[in-house]
């Protein structure tokens, strides 16, 4: 059994750049993760507090209802 098998840390990937993230900001609604710099430059992220954000990713990617 390796040390990695017992590691409780979950690997997170940034929603904007798709790279592995260690220091992340997590959305309070959908739990998407962002690097702090990626969240700063993302148009669909609102900073609530220094470590809490709310993204609007689900609102921006709604399916088209025109048939």
Protein backbone atom coordinates (compact mmCIF):
# COMPACT_ATOMS: atom_id res chain seq x y z
CA UNK A 1 0.00 0.00 0.00
CA UNK A 2 1.48 3.35 -1.04
CA UNK A 3 1.21 6.67 0.75
CA UNK A 4 -1.00 7.97 -2.06
CA UNK A 5 -3.73 5.47 -1.19
CA UNK A 6 -4.27 7.09 2.21
CA UNK A 7 -4.02 10.69 1.01
CA UNK A 8 -7.28 12.49 1.95
CA UNK A 9 -6.48 15.50 -0.28
CA UNK A 10 -8.67 15.59 -3.38
CA UNK A 11 -7.09 16.77 -6.60
CA UNK A 12 -8.84 19.86 -7.95
CA UNK A 13 -8.68 21.25 -11.46
CA UNK A 14 -9.28 24.88 -12.31
CA UNK A 15 -12.53 25.42 -14.22
CA UNK A 16 -10.97 28.17 -16.37
CA UNK A 17 -7.52 26.84 -17.32
CA UNK A 18 -8.08 23.12 -16.58
CA UNK A 19 -4.72 22.83 -14.76
CA UNK A 20 -4.24 21.11 -11.42
CA UNK A 21 -4.88 23.56 -8.61
CA UNK A 22 -3.54 23.49 -5.07
CA UNK A 23 -4.63 26.90 -3.78
CA UNK A 24 -8.23 27.11 -5.00
CA UNK A 25 -11.30 29.23 -4.61
CA UNK A 26 -14.44 27.13 -4.63
CA UNK A 27 -17.90 28.23 -5.71
CA UNK A 28 -20.49 28.05 -2.95
CA UNK A 29 -23.21 26.86 -5.36
CA UNK A 30 -21.68 24.37 -7.77
CA UNK A 31 -18.31 23.59 -6.12
CA UNK A 32 -16.31 24.54 -9.24
CA UNK A 33 -12.69 25.36 -8.42
CA UNK A 34 -10.63 28.26 -9.73
CA UNK A 35 -7.08 29.47 -9.24
CA UNK A 36 -7.30 32.91 -7.57
CA UNK A 37 -5.81 34.56 -10.68
CA UNK A 38 -8.16 32.68 -13.02
CA UNK A 39 -11.17 33.70 -10.94
CA UNK A 40 -10.01 37.30 -11.08
CA UNK A 41 -9.98 37.28 -14.89
CA UNK A 42 -13.12 35.20 -15.35
CA UNK A 43 -16.21 37.20 -16.32
CA UNK A 44 -18.64 34.80 -14.67
CA UNK A 45 -17.21 34.85 -11.13
CA UNK A 46 -18.37 37.08 -8.28
CA UNK A 47 -16.15 37.40 -5.19
CA UNK A 48 -18.24 37.18 -2.02
CA UNK A 49 -15.39 37.13 0.47
CA UNK A 50 -11.63 36.73 0.25
CA UNK A 51 -11.93 32.94 -0.04
CA UNK A 52 -15.51 32.46 -1.30
CA UNK A 53 -16.82 32.95 -4.81
CA UNK A 54 -20.02 32.40 -6.72
CA UNK A 55 -19.76 31.52 -10.39
CA UNK A 56 -22.44 31.74 -13.00
CA UNK A 57 -21.21 28.86 -15.15
CA UNK A 58 -24.48 26.97 -15.04
CA UNK A 59 -26.42 30.08 -16.07
CA UNK A 60 -24.15 30.78 -19.03
CA UNK A 61 -24.34 27.24 -20.44
CA UNK A 62 -28.09 26.69 -20.48
CA UNK A 63 -29.36 24.68 -23.44
CA UNK A 64 -30.87 26.58 -26.34
CA UNK A 65 -34.68 26.35 -26.24
CA UNK A 66 -35.23 27.48 -29.83
CA UNK A 67 -36.50 24.61 -31.96
